[in-house]
Protein backbone atom coordinates (compact mmCIF):
# COMPACT_ATOMS: atom_id res chain seq x y z
CA MET A 1 -0.06 0.06 -0.15
CA ALA A 2 1.55 2.95 -1.43
CA ALA A 3 1.89 6.10 0.89
CA ILE A 4 0.11 9.34 0.26
CA ASP A 5 2.50 11.65 -1.82
CA ILE A 6 2.16 15.26 -0.29
CA ASP A 7 5.09 17.44 -1.27
CA ILE A 8 5.93 18.80 2.11
CA LYS A 9 9.57 17.72 3.11
CA ALA A 10 9.17 18.25 6.68
CA TYR A 11 6.73 15.21 6.89
CA ARG A 12 8.48 12.81 5.36
CA LYS A 13 11.12 12.14 7.92
CA SER A 14 10.19 9.04 10.04
CA ILE A 15 9.79 10.03 13.83
CA ASP A 16 10.66 8.22 17.21
CA ILE A 17 9.28 9.15 20.22
CA HIS A 18 11.36 8.65 23.96
CA PHE A 19 10.05 9.61 26.88
CA HIS A 20 11.95 9.33 30.46
CA GLN A 21 10.54 9.70 33.84
CA LEU A 22 7.52 10.82 32.91
CA ALA A 23 5.09 11.71 35.51
CA TYR A 24 1.55 13.45 35.82
CA THR A 25 -0.12 14.66 38.91
CA THR A 26 -3.80 16.21 38.56
CA PRO A 27 -4.02 19.86 39.73
CA GLY A 28 -5.79 21.32 42.66
CA LYS A 29 -5.99 20.58 46.35
CA ASP A 30 -7.05 16.93 46.10
CA SER A 31 -4.30 16.09 43.72
CA VAL A 32 -3.77 12.57 42.40
CA LYS A 33 -0.88 11.23 41.01
CA ILE A 34 -1.77 9.38 37.53
CA LEU A 35 1.62 8.64 35.98
CA HIS A 36 4.54 7.48 38.27
CA ASP A 37 7.91 8.26 36.20
CA ILE A 38 7.50 5.90 33.24
CA SER A 39 9.93 5.63 30.53
CA GLY A 40 9.90 4.03 26.94
CA LYS A 41 9.95 4.18 23.55
CA PHE A 42 7.64 4.50 20.13
CA ASN A 43 9.34 3.71 17.29
CA SER A 44 8.22 4.69 13.68
CA GLY A 45 7.39 1.98 11.33
CA LYS A 46 5.62 -0.12 14.12
CA LEU A 47 1.62 -0.42 15.13
CA THR A 48 1.91 -0.01 19.27
CA ALA A 49 -0.78 -0.55 21.66
CA ILE A 50 -0.92 0.80 24.91
CA LEU A 51 -2.86 -1.88 26.88
CA GLY A 52 -4.08 -1.72 30.75
CA PRO A 53 -7.20 -1.63 32.97
CA SER A 54 -9.25 1.49 33.59
CA GLY A 55 -7.84 4.11 35.56
CA ALA A 56 -4.19 3.02 34.46
CA GLY A 57 -3.14 6.00 32.89
CA LYS A 58 -3.54 5.16 29.17
CA THR A 59 -5.39 8.01 27.54
CA THR A 60 -3.38 10.64 30.35
CA LEU A 61 0.02 9.07 28.31
CA LEU A 62 -1.50 9.55 25.14
CA ASN A 63 -2.75 13.21 26.09
CA ILE A 64 0.53 13.90 27.52
CA LEU A 65 2.84 12.68 24.40
CA SER A 66 0.32 14.51 21.88
CA GLY A 67 0.85 17.79 23.79
CA PHE A 68 -2.72 18.12 24.67
CA LYS A 69 -2.12 17.93 28.49
CA THR A 70 0.87 19.88 29.92
CA LYS A 71 -0.19 21.17 33.32
CA GLY A 72 0.97 19.20 36.15
CA VAL A 73 3.52 17.09 33.96
CA THR A 74 7.56 16.34 34.54
CA GLY A 75 9.64 14.35 32.76
CA THR A 76 11.78 14.35 29.38
CA ILE A 77 10.25 13.71 25.87
CA LEU A 78 12.45 13.66 22.93
CA VAL A 79 11.62 13.39 19.32
CA ASN A 80 14.49 11.82 17.46
CA GLY A 81 16.73 12.36 20.02
CA ALA A 82 16.03 15.98 20.51
CA VAL A 83 14.08 17.99 23.28
CA ARG A 84 10.58 18.17 21.86
CA ASP A 85 9.47 21.13 20.36
CA LYS A 86 5.54 21.37 21.43
CA ASN A 87 4.54 23.61 18.57
CA ASP A 88 6.49 21.91 15.81
CA PHE A 89 5.72 18.77 17.02
CA ARG A 90 1.67 19.41 16.81
CA ASN A 91 2.30 20.15 13.28
CA LYS A 92 3.98 16.84 12.73
CA SER A 93 1.41 14.68 14.77
CA SER A 94 -2.23 14.04 14.84
CA TYR A 95 -4.45 12.93 17.61
CA ILE A 96 -7.66 10.93 17.24
CA PRO A 97 -9.65 10.74 20.41
CA GLN A 98 -12.08 8.16 21.37
CA GLU A 99 -14.99 10.33 20.66
CA PHE A 100 -14.14 12.09 17.72
CA PRO A 101 -16.70 14.89 16.97
CA MET A 102 -17.46 15.68 13.35
CA LEU A 103 -20.11 17.96 11.69
CA GLY A 104 -22.85 15.65 10.82
CA LYS A 105 -24.11 18.10 7.84
CA LEU A 106 -21.19 17.61 5.89
CA THR A 107 -20.86 14.76 3.77
CA THR A 108 -17.72 12.55 3.84
CA LEU A 109 -16.07 14.41 0.73
CA GLU A 110 -17.09 17.88 2.06
CA THR A 111 -15.40 16.86 5.36
CA LEU A 112 -12.29 16.01 3.88
CA LYS A 113 -11.90 18.89 1.44
CA THR A 114 -12.55 21.07 4.28
CA ALA A 115 -9.57 19.59 6.18
CA ALA A 116 -7.43 19.62 3.28
CA ASP A 117 -8.35 23.11 2.83
CA LEU A 118 -7.46 24.24 6.46
CA LYS A 119 -4.50 21.78 6.75
CA LEU A 120 -2.43 22.30 3.75
CA PRO A 121 -0.66 25.21 2.19
CA VAL A 122 -2.06 27.70 0.07
CA LYS A 123 0.48 27.51 -2.63
CA LEU A 124 -0.31 23.69 -3.39
CA SER A 125 -3.19 23.66 -6.22
CA GLY A 126 -6.81 22.57 -6.10
CA GLU A 127 -5.46 19.48 -8.20
CA VAL A 128 -2.86 18.74 -5.60
CA LYS A 129 -5.56 18.71 -2.68
CA GLN A 130 -7.91 16.49 -4.77
CA LYS A 131 -5.19 14.08 -5.43
CA ILE A 132 -4.33 13.85 -1.66
CA ILE A 133 -8.40 13.67 -0.84
CA SER A 134 -8.39 10.60 -3.57
CA ASP A 135 -5.57 8.71 -2.26
CA VAL A 136 -6.83 8.99 1.20
CA THR A 137 -10.35 7.66 0.35
CA GLN A 138 -8.87 4.73 -1.36
CA ILE A 139 -6.31 3.88 1.49
CA LEU A 140 -9.46 3.68 3.78
CA GLY A 141 -11.94 2.43 1.74
CA LEU A 142 -14.40 5.50 1.82
CA GLU A 143 -15.08 5.67 -1.87
CA LYS A 144 -18.74 4.53 -1.60
CA CYS A 145 -19.66 7.21 0.97
CA LEU A 146 -18.11 10.02 -0.46
CA ASN A 147 -21.72 11.65 -1.05
CA THR A 148 -23.06 10.42 2.39
CA ARG A 149 -23.44 12.71 5.27
CA VAL A 150 -21.54 12.01 8.58
CA GLU A 151 -24.69 11.96 10.60
CA THR A 152 -25.53 8.67 8.64
CA LEU A 153 -22.17 7.27 8.21
CA SER A 154 -21.82 3.85 10.17
CA GLY A 155 -19.55 3.23 13.02
CA GLY A 156 -16.77 1.80 10.96
CA GLU A 157 -17.25 4.31 8.45
CA ARG A 158 -16.91 7.22 10.76
CA LYS A 159 -13.75 5.89 12.39
CA ARG A 160 -11.89 5.82 9.03
CA LEU A 161 -12.86 9.21 8.32
CA SER A 162 -11.81 10.27 11.39
CA ILE A 163 -8.55 8.54 10.35
CA GLY A 164 -8.79 10.40 6.74
CA VAL A 165 -9.13 13.79 8.34
CA GLU A 166 -5.97 13.63 9.86
CA LEU A 167 -4.27 11.61 7.38
CA ILE A 168 -4.44 14.61 4.99
CA THR A 169 -1.34 16.03 6.05
CA ASN A 170 0.50 12.86 5.93
CA PRO A 171 1.63 13.12 9.62
CA PRO A 172 4.65 10.87 10.57
CA VAL A 173 3.37 10.45 14.32
CA MET A 174 -0.66 9.46 14.49
CA PHE A 175 -2.02 8.85 18.30
CA PHE A 176 -5.22 7.24 18.58
CA ASP A 177 -7.50 6.63 21.81
CA GLU A 178 -9.62 3.58 21.78
CA PRO A 179 -10.15 3.55 17.84
CA THR A 180 -12.07 0.33 17.95
CA SER A 181 -14.45 1.47 20.87
CA GLY A 182 -18.18 0.81 19.90
CA LEU A 183 -17.44 -1.49 16.74
CA ASP A 184 -18.17 -4.95 15.55
CA SER A 185 -15.33 -7.39 14.92
CA VAL A 186 -15.49 -6.83 11.41
CA SER A 187 -15.42 -3.39 11.63
CA CYS A 188 -12.47 -3.54 14.11
CA ASP A 189 -10.31 -5.63 12.22
CA GLN A 190 -10.71 -3.34 9.16
CA VAL A 191 -9.80 -0.14 11.18
CA VAL A 192 -6.98 -1.90 13.02
CA THR A 193 -5.90 -3.32 9.58
CA HIS A 194 -5.40 -0.01 8.19
CA LEU A 195 -3.55 1.58 11.29
CA LYS A 196 -1.19 -1.31 10.73
CA ALA A 197 -0.68 -0.22 6.81
CA LEU A 198 -0.32 3.45 8.04
CA ALA A 199 2.54 2.34 10.58
CA HIS A 200 4.46 0.22 8.43
CA SER A 201 4.65 2.87 5.54
CA GLY A 202 7.08 4.63 7.92
CA ARG A 203 4.66 6.42 10.63
CA THR A 204 4.71 6.23 14.49
CA VAL A 205 1.11 4.85 15.26
CA VAL A 206 0.24 4.72 19.13
CA CYS A 207 -3.15 3.35 20.11
CA VAL A 208 -4.81 2.93 23.35
CA ILE A 209 -6.72 -0.42 22.89
CA HIS A 210 -9.46 -1.86 25.24
CA GLN A 211 -9.67 -5.68 25.57
CA PRO A 212 -8.66 -6.54 22.24
CA SER A 213 -9.55 -9.98 20.51
CA SER A 214 -6.47 -12.27 19.96
CA HIS A 215 -6.51 -11.59 16.18
CA ILE A 216 -6.74 -7.98 16.85
CA LEU A 217 -3.81 -8.18 19.21
CA GLU A 218 -1.73 -10.21 16.29
CA LEU A 219 -2.04 -6.84 14.20
CA PHE A 220 -0.09 -4.88 16.61
CA ASP A 221 3.68 -5.06 16.57
CA ASP A 222 4.40 -3.65 19.99
CA LEU A 223 2.77 -3.39 23.59
CA PHE A 224 3.01 -0.97 26.24
CA VAL A 225 1.15 -2.08 29.31
CA LEU A 226 0.21 -0.29 32.28
CA SER A 227 -0.73 -0.85 35.94
CA GLU A 228 -1.88 1.98 38.14
CA GLY A 229 0.42 4.62 36.16
CA GLN A 230 3.64 2.11 36.18
CA CYS A 231 4.68 0.47 32.98
CA ILE A 232 5.12 -3.50 33.59
CA TYR A 233 6.09 -4.36 30.04
CA SER A 234 6.95 -2.58 26.89
CA GLY A 235 8.16 -4.45 23.97
CA ALA A 236 7.47 -6.68 21.14
CA VAL A 237 3.80 -8.60 21.38
CA ASP A 238 5.32 -12.09 21.20
CA GLY A 239 7.78 -11.18 24.03
CA ILE A 240 5.25 -10.21 26.77
CA ILE A 241 4.44 -13.88 27.83
CA PRO A 242 8.35 -14.65 28.39
CA ALA A 243 8.36 -11.32 30.49
CA PHE A 244 5.74 -12.46 32.56
CA GLN A 245 7.00 -15.82 33.22
CA GLU A 246 10.18 -14.33 34.44
CA ALA A 247 7.91 -12.52 37.01
CA GLY A 248 6.16 -15.96 38.19
CA TYR A 249 3.36 -15.36 35.70
CA ASP A 250 1.95 -18.39 33.67
CA CYS A 251 -0.29 -17.81 30.69
CA PRO A 252 -2.78 -20.79 30.11
CA GLN A 253 -2.47 -22.51 26.90
CA TYR A 254 -4.68 -20.96 24.32
CA TYR A 255 -5.42 -18.04 26.45
CA ASN A 256 -6.23 -14.65 24.94
CA ARG A 257 -2.61 -12.86 25.60
CA ALA A 258 -4.27 -9.28 25.98
CA ASP A 259 -6.97 -10.79 28.53
CA PHE A 260 -3.88 -12.27 30.45
CA ALA A 261 -1.98 -8.86 30.53
CA LEU A 262 -5.16 -7.17 31.68
CA GLU A 263 -5.36 -9.59 34.73
CA VAL A 264 -1.70 -9.02 35.41
CA ALA A 265 -1.82 -5.46 35.55
CA SER A 266 -5.23 -5.38 37.24
CA ASP A 267 -2.96 -7.61 39.86
CA GLU A 268 -5.69 -10.53 39.50
CA ARG A 269 -2.69 -13.19 38.81
CA ASP A 270 -0.39 -14.77 41.27
CA GLY A 271 2.87 -13.33 40.52
CA ASN A 272 5.66 -10.82 41.09
CA LEU A 273 4.30 -7.11 39.83
CA THR A 274 7.03 -5.16 41.54
CA ALA A 275 9.58 -7.20 39.56
CA LEU A 276 8.05 -6.52 36.12
CA ILE A 277 8.13 -2.86 36.96
CA GLU A 278 11.62 -2.87 38.05
CA ASN A 279 12.64 -4.84 35.08
CA HIS A 280 11.09 -2.24 32.79
CA ARG A 281 12.48 0.48 34.77
CA ASN A 282 16.12 -1.02 34.50
CA LYS A 283 15.41 -1.73 30.74
CA HIS A 284 14.48 1.97 30.25
CA GLY A 285 16.75 3.81 33.09
CA SER A 286 19.66 5.39 31.56
CA SER A 287 18.92 9.33 31.14
CA PHE A 288 18.47 10.76 27.95
CA GLU A 289 21.18 13.46 26.89
CA ASP A 290 19.41 17.19 27.37
CA THR A 291 19.50 19.50 24.35
CA ASP A 292 19.23 23.26 24.76
CA GLY A 293 15.39 23.04 23.76
CA SER A 294 15.44 26.49 22.15
CA GLY A 295 12.26 27.67 20.94
CA ASP A 296 10.26 25.56 22.52
CA GLU A 297 6.85 26.45 24.22
CA PHE A 298 6.46 23.66 26.55
CA THR A 299 9.86 21.62 26.98
CA TYR A 300 10.41 18.89 29.54
CA VAL A 301 14.00 18.54 30.70
CA LEU A 302 15.90 16.91 33.17
CA SER A 303 17.46 19.46 35.83
CA PRO A 304 20.16 17.77 38.89
CA GLU A 305 18.64 18.84 41.78
CA SER A 306 20.49 16.81 44.28
CA ALA A 307 23.07 14.23 44.21
CA ASP A 308 21.32 11.17 44.89
CA LYS A 309 18.39 11.76 42.28
CA LYS A 310 17.65 13.71 39.28
CA LYS A 311 14.49 15.51 39.17
CA GLN A 312 12.42 16.92 36.76
CA LYS A 313 11.05 20.19 36.01
CA LEU A 314 9.18 21.91 33.56
CA VAL A 315 10.87 24.84 31.27
CA GLN A 316 8.32 27.22 29.47
CA LYS A 317 9.07 29.49 26.91
CA THR A 318 6.68 31.31 24.49
CA GLN A 319 6.72 30.66 20.87
CA LYS A 320 3.55 31.59 18.82
CA LEU A 321 1.82 28.94 16.71
CA VAL A 322 2.29 28.74 12.99
CA TYR A 323 -0.94 27.47 11.10
CA PRO A 324 -0.87 26.18 7.91
CA VAL A 325 -3.06 28.71 6.18
CA SER A 326 -3.49 32.51 6.99
CA ARG A 327 -5.91 33.92 9.64
CA TRP A 328 -8.11 35.72 6.71
CA ASN A 329 -8.26 31.90 4.66
CA GLN A 330 -9.43 30.36 8.03
CA PHE A 331 -12.01 32.76 8.07
CA LEU A 332 -13.35 32.40 4.81
CA ILE A 333 -13.05 28.29 4.82
CA LEU A 334 -14.91 28.52 8.33
CA SER A 335 -17.51 30.96 7.26
CA LYS A 336 -18.39 28.75 4.28
CA ARG A 337 -18.46 25.69 6.26
CA SER A 338 -20.64 27.14 8.90
CA LEU A 339 -23.26 28.60 6.14
CA LEU A 340 -23.58 25.10 4.50
CA CYS A 341 -24.03 23.41 7.85
CA THR A 342 -26.55 26.03 8.75
CA TYR A 343 -28.57 25.76 5.41
CA ARG A 344 -28.72 21.77 5.81
CA ASP A 345 -29.62 21.82 9.19
CA PHE A 346 -33.51 21.21 9.68
CA PHE A 347 -33.91 21.62 13.22
CA PHE A 348 -31.55 24.76 13.96
CA ALA A 349 -32.49 26.43 10.53
CA GLN A 350 -34.91 25.29 8.43
CA LEU A 351 -37.55 24.37 11.31
CA ARG A 352 -36.76 27.62 13.01
CA ILE A 353 -37.65 29.44 9.77
CA ILE A 354 -40.90 27.64 9.50
CA THR A 355 -41.81 28.02 13.19
CA HIS A 356 -41.12 31.81 12.96
CA ILE A 357 -43.51 32.30 10.01
CA ILE A 358 -46.55 29.93 11.83
CA VAL A 359 -46.14 31.76 15.37
CA ALA A 360 -46.18 34.85 13.41
CA MET A 361 -49.66 33.96 11.88
CA LEU A 362 -50.84 32.72 15.04
CA LEU A 363 -50.20 35.79 16.82
CA GLY A 364 -51.22 38.00 14.16
CA PHE A 365 -54.51 36.45 13.57
CA VAL A 366 -55.27 36.12 17.46
CA PHE A 367 -54.44 39.92 18.01
CA PHE A 368 -55.87 40.60 14.47
CA ASP A 369 -56.02 44.38 13.73
CA ILE A 370 -56.07 45.78 17.29
CA GLY A 371 -53.04 47.76 17.07
CA SER A 372 -54.48 51.21 15.78
CA ASP A 373 -57.55 50.96 18.04
CA ALA A 374 -57.41 52.69 21.24
CA ALA A 375 -60.16 50.49 22.70
CA ASN A 376 -57.36 47.64 22.54
CA VAL A 377 -54.22 49.37 23.64
CA LEU A 378 -53.72 47.29 26.70
CA THR A 379 -54.09 44.04 24.48
CA ASN A 380 -51.78 45.35 21.84
CA ILE A 381 -49.45 45.90 24.77
CA SER A 382 -49.46 42.37 25.61
CA CYS A 383 -49.17 41.45 21.53
CA LEU A 384 -45.89 43.18 21.41
CA PHE A 385 -44.53 41.56 24.64
CA PHE A 386 -45.24 38.23 23.01
CA PHE A 387 -43.51 39.15 20.08
CA ILE A 388 -40.51 40.09 21.87
CA LEU A 389 -40.76 36.98 23.99
CA PHE A 390 -40.89 34.71 21.25
CA ILE A 391 -38.36 36.34 19.11
CA PHE A 392 -35.94 35.96 22.04
CA PHE A 393 -36.89 32.33 23.40
CA GLY A 394 -37.44 31.24 19.63
CA ASN A 395 -33.72 32.05 18.80
CA SER A 396 -31.96 31.46 22.06
CA MET A 397 -33.16 27.81 22.68
CA PRO A 398 -32.35 26.22 19.67
CA THR A 399 -28.96 27.56 19.73
CA ALA A 400 -28.24 26.42 23.10
CA LEU A 401 -29.33 22.69 21.88
CA CYS A 402 -26.91 22.53 18.63
CA TYR A 403 -24.10 24.56 19.65
CA PRO A 404 -22.45 22.00 22.35
CA SER A 405 -21.71 19.41 19.72
CA GLU A 406 -20.29 22.49 17.50
CA ALA A 407 -18.28 23.46 20.31
CA SER A 408 -16.48 19.87 20.45
CA VAL A 409 -15.55 19.83 16.73
CA PHE A 410 -14.06 23.52 17.34
CA LEU A 411 -11.93 22.02 20.41
CA ARG A 412 -10.73 19.16 18.62
CA GLU A 413 -9.80 21.07 15.32
CA HIS A 414 -8.12 23.83 17.36
CA LEU A 415 -6.28 21.68 19.55
CA ASN A 416 -4.73 20.03 16.41
CA ASN A 417 -3.66 23.14 15.06
CA TRP A 418 -6.00 23.74 12.29
CA TYR A 419 -7.09 27.15 12.83
CA SER A 420 -6.94 30.15 15.47
CA LEU A 421 -9.78 30.73 18.19
CA GLY A 422 -10.11 34.35 16.42
CA ALA A 423 -10.57 33.28 13.03
CA TYR A 424 -13.07 30.49 14.33
CA PHE A 425 -15.32 33.02 16.61
CA MET A 426 -15.28 35.94 13.89
CA SER A 427 -16.59 33.17 11.23
CA LYS A 428 -19.31 32.15 13.30
CA ILE A 429 -20.44 35.56 14.26
CA ILE A 430 -20.81 36.05 10.12
CA ALA A 431 -21.97 33.13 9.30
CA ASP A 432 -24.92 33.37 12.04
CA LEU A 433 -26.00 36.72 10.87
CA PRO A 434 -28.15 35.69 7.56
CA LEU A 435 -30.26 33.59 9.85
CA GLN A 436 -30.39 36.24 12.58
CA ILE A 437 -31.68 38.69 10.12
CA MET A 438 -34.05 36.22 8.45
CA CYS A 439 -36.32 34.72 11.53
CA PRO A 440 -37.19 37.97 12.85
CA SER A 441 -37.67 39.96 9.51
CA LEU A 442 -40.27 37.02 8.79
CA PHE A 443 -41.97 37.00 12.00
CA ILE A 444 -42.27 40.92 12.46
CA LEU A 445 -43.45 41.30 8.60
CA ILE A 446 -46.20 39.05 9.17
CA GLY A 447 -47.06 39.90 12.67
CA TYR A 448 -46.73 43.64 12.37
CA PHE A 449 -49.39 44.27 9.46
CA LEU A 450 -51.82 41.18 10.42
CA SER A 451 -52.14 42.76 13.99
CA GLY A 452 -52.86 46.20 12.59
CA GLN A 453 -49.84 48.21 13.75
CA PRO A 454 -49.82 51.65 12.13
CA GLN A 455 -48.89 51.64 8.51
CA GLU A 456 -45.95 54.20 9.04
CA GLU A 457 -42.60 52.99 7.51
CA HIS A 458 -40.36 54.39 10.30
CA ARG A 459 -42.50 52.94 13.00
CA PHE A 460 -42.08 49.50 11.12
CA ALA A 461 -38.35 50.09 10.80
CA MET A 462 -37.78 50.87 14.46
CA MET A 463 -39.76 47.58 15.30
CA TRP A 464 -37.73 45.77 13.06
CA PHE A 465 -34.57 47.00 14.54
CA ILE A 466 -35.80 46.18 17.94
CA CYS A 467 -36.56 42.52 16.80
CA LEU A 468 -33.41 42.18 15.14
CA LEU A 469 -31.05 43.15 18.11
CA THR A 470 -33.52 40.73 20.51
CA ALA A 471 -32.72 38.16 17.90
CA ILE A 472 -29.07 38.62 17.61
CA SER A 473 -28.68 39.05 21.81
CA ALA A 474 -30.90 35.73 22.27
CA GLN A 475 -28.73 33.94 19.91
CA ALA A 476 -25.67 34.91 21.31
CA MET A 477 -27.03 34.12 24.84
CA GLY A 478 -27.64 30.92 23.32
CA LEU A 479 -24.23 30.29 21.79
CA LEU A 480 -22.69 31.43 25.38
CA ALA A 481 -24.65 28.69 27.21
CA GLY A 482 -23.72 26.06 24.56
CA ALA A 483 -19.99 27.19 24.91
CA ALA A 484 -20.28 27.34 28.71
CA PHE A 485 -22.06 24.37 29.46
CA ASN A 486 -23.32 21.10 28.65
CA VAL A 487 -27.11 21.00 26.78
CA GLN A 488 -28.98 20.22 29.99
CA MET A 489 -27.56 22.94 32.06
CA GLY A 490 -27.65 25.55 29.16
CA ILE A 491 -31.37 24.59 28.85
CA PHE A 492 -32.09 25.20 32.12
CA LEU A 493 -29.87 28.50 32.60
CA ILE A 494 -31.63 30.50 30.04
CA PRO A 495 -35.21 30.47 31.36
CA ALA A 496 -33.74 30.54 34.80
CA SER A 497 -31.65 33.62 34.02
CA CYS A 498 -34.47 35.34 31.96
CA ILE A 499 -37.25 35.57 34.28
CA PRO A 500 -35.83 37.91 36.83
CA MET A 501 -34.92 40.24 33.95
CA LEU A 502 -38.62 39.85 32.76
CA VAL A 503 -39.48 40.91 35.97
CA PHE A 504 -37.77 44.14 35.44
CA SER A 505 -39.05 44.70 31.64
CA GLY A 506 -41.71 47.11 32.62
CA TYR A 507 -44.47 44.90 31.60
CA PHE A 508 -45.52 43.43 34.82
CA ILE A 509 -44.52 46.11 37.01
CA ARG A 510 -43.90 49.94 35.98
CA PHE A 511 -40.69 51.10 36.56
CA ASN A 512 -41.86 54.14 38.75
CA GLU A 513 -43.46 51.34 41.22
CA LEU A 514 -40.13 49.69 41.76
CA HIS A 515 -38.71 50.02 45.39
CA PHE A 516 -35.69 52.02 44.88
CA ILE A 517 -33.39 49.35 45.69
CA PHE A 518 -34.55 47.31 42.63
CA LYS A 519 -34.41 49.89 40.02
CA PRO A 520 -31.00 49.55 39.23
CA LEU A 521 -31.71 45.92 38.27
CA SER A 522 -34.24 47.41 35.30
CA TYR A 523 -31.12 48.65 33.83
CA ILE A 524 -29.48 45.60 33.54
CA SER A 525 -32.50 43.62 32.16
CA LEU A 526 -32.46 42.74 28.44
CA PHE A 527 -35.98 42.86 28.16
CA ARG A 528 -36.60 46.17 29.31
CA TYR A 529 -34.68 47.46 26.17
CA SER A 530 -36.88 45.20 24.15
CA PHE A 531 -40.05 46.00 25.64
CA GLU A 532 -39.69 50.01 26.12
CA GLY A 533 -38.10 50.02 22.13
CA SER A 534 -41.01 48.35 21.03
CA ILE A 535 -43.76 50.38 22.79
CA GLN A 536 -41.59 53.70 22.04
CA ALA A 537 -41.79 52.56 18.23
CA ILE A 538 -45.40 52.26 18.15
CA TYR A 539 -46.70 55.05 20.57
CA GLY A 540 -43.67 57.30 20.67
CA PHE A 541 -42.60 60.38 18.86
CA ASP A 542 -45.60 62.20 18.53
CA ARG A 543 -48.31 59.50 17.44
CA GLY A 544 -50.88 61.74 18.74
CA ASN A 545 -54.26 60.15 18.73
CA LEU A 546 -55.71 56.94 18.04
CA THR A 547 -58.65 55.82 16.43
CA CYS A 548 -61.57 54.88 18.74
CA SER A 549 -64.21 52.01 17.92
CA GLU A 550 -66.44 52.61 21.05
CA THR A 551 -67.97 55.74 22.57
CA PHE A 552 -65.12 56.24 24.88
CA CYS A 553 -61.45 55.10 25.18
CA TYR A 554 -58.83 56.32 27.95
CA TYR A 555 -55.81 55.38 26.20
CA LYS A 556 -56.88 57.23 22.84
CA ASN A 557 -54.01 59.76 23.28
CA ALA A 558 -50.46 58.15 22.59
CA ASP A 559 -48.87 60.28 25.07
CA LYS A 560 -51.24 58.86 27.79
CA ILE A 561 -50.17 55.24 27.01
CA LEU A 562 -46.31 56.19 27.47
CA LYS A 563 -47.13 58.23 30.59
CA THR A 564 -48.93 55.23 32.35
CA LEU A 565 -46.24 52.93 31.27
CA ASN A 566 -43.73 55.52 32.68
CA MET A 567 -41.78 55.73 29.14
CA THR A 568 -42.71 59.22 28.32
CA GLU A 569 -38.96 60.05 27.49
CA ASN A 570 -37.97 59.27 23.74
CA THR A 571 -35.16 56.42 24.69
CA PHE A 572 -35.51 54.74 21.86
CA GLY A 573 -31.84 55.26 20.75
CA TRP A 574 -30.53 54.32 24.58
CA ASP A 575 -32.82 51.11 23.93
CA LEU A 576 -31.06 49.93 20.90
CA ALA A 577 -27.68 50.78 22.33
CA GLY A 578 -28.59 48.77 25.63
CA LEU A 579 -29.47 45.92 23.29
CA LEU A 580 -26.55 46.46 21.06
CA LEU A 581 -24.46 46.52 24.34
CA TRP A 582 -26.00 42.87 25.42
CA ALA A 583 -25.13 41.33 22.64
CA VAL A 584 -21.57 42.30 22.47
CA VAL A 585 -21.49 41.12 26.18
CA PHE A 586 -22.68 37.74 25.26
CA GLN A 587 -20.27 37.62 22.37
CA ILE A 588 -17.40 38.27 24.62
CA GLY A 589 -18.83 35.62 26.92
CA VAL A 590 -18.79 33.35 24.21
CA PHE A 591 -15.20 33.83 23.52
CA ILE A 592 -14.03 33.72 27.02
CA ALA A 593 -15.93 30.45 27.42
CA LEU A 594 -14.18 29.03 24.36
CA LYS A 595 -11.02 30.17 25.75
CA ILE A 596 -11.65 28.85 29.20
CA ARG A 597 -12.51 25.27 27.41
CA LEU A 598 -9.43 25.21 25.39
CA ARG A 599 -7.24 26.07 28.58
CA GLN A 600 -8.92 22.98 30.61
CA ALA A 601 -8.46 20.76 27.73
CA LYS A 602 -4.64 21.19 28.19
């Protein structure tokens, strides 16, 4: 099986990874030491499996070696004998986690094309990129599902696509966290066979594997067995039984060697586990020579701090990450992808637009032609308030439901050095604008005229601006909830935080009736600016007298309506500014939430 031909010389060289006395302690007061000064080597051209019971530190080791986890880590990591430059290593390696989130609305081909556009240099022509994609799909057997959306792929096809996405740049190092999880035996065999072919083409391929069958185990070249943060064996698959026998462990005939290794690692077999640990340490106990590590962002080096024992410390230097394409190109590619996903999302986009139209018609017919009648002023005020309520919750709740899955895709792609946070954030803002404009525009266009609001262009425009900024603020709040919390928490927090703001909106209690302690709270209520702005749009700016369909109408004069609601001043400009400020605050909150999640992931 031929390797993929990518004209990037830096990616052709094979890479061997050495690590010495690697340790990891969880941060915080209740810190726990997960890895205990383990050493080892992963060679290029070989498929290596990290094996061990749950809680042994397998995924932690993979996260550290891949550079995804840096806090609380000590020890030495060398790449081809030189101290690892974390940023350079991230450009030459890929990490495929157990849960590999992808955008379900894209097809297999579109997913690979987007990866190629973001991960390969701009100087490569479209024909070269297409050749790379064709080679990837041929190697991984994805030709039949190129036009199939990711959300409808089978488990095996999704696993192979996750490999293909990272294989675009022909990385010399590939890390996999349980690539066979959730697959049937046939799919497992296909995936591991592909991984073996990738390793034998010159790459360093390391997999965390969970309880493989005898057949799957035979496909691996080397094993690295962990037990409670300690390594008890590293080497060829065929050498594990003799090594265990030296420590007093006897494997029954015809017994699955992987199951036997897990039982030994779990201390469920009679033997000397300490001897296995000491044997491994003696095998890999020699210290690696240090290099200066110049230009390294996170360099793990040895530092002699006592005559008896060498201890490790983490030396941090700063170096700016270099992305494969410019931030402007990142912005364009991500905006195009986001628009395509939004257009295809029935729940988030199509059903949302349909709902806005249906609810606008419903409210329009329920409150039909009451907007200009002085006898129905109080009912019309309720109508305007319902307009605001629906626009807010109709845009915030769907976003809070859908965005967490997209945020997971962002975290994976950013941590794999695809693009910057800034480029993604700006593309998200721009790509969401068409839907943010369309939904409130359709809603107010139908509801405004059916409910009989004043047929004046400037008042319609004012009402449209209020509804538009309310929708933008609502969607930004939904993004914040989705970026900072999971779906359940986000769905709970949006209504829970909005109820107090509704109380101080001016609809349930007038501003002059509030106790002086609570009056400042009305100024931080988003709904105050939406409701007050809509009232100003309909009844403000010298509207004068309304038509009265009865003998006497108390609210015939528009000024009396404003005076009753304690909204006599023309504050429309301030209301727009208040809504715009809320939208900006929510968007800043989204950026900060994503920044925090990125730091927590490291």
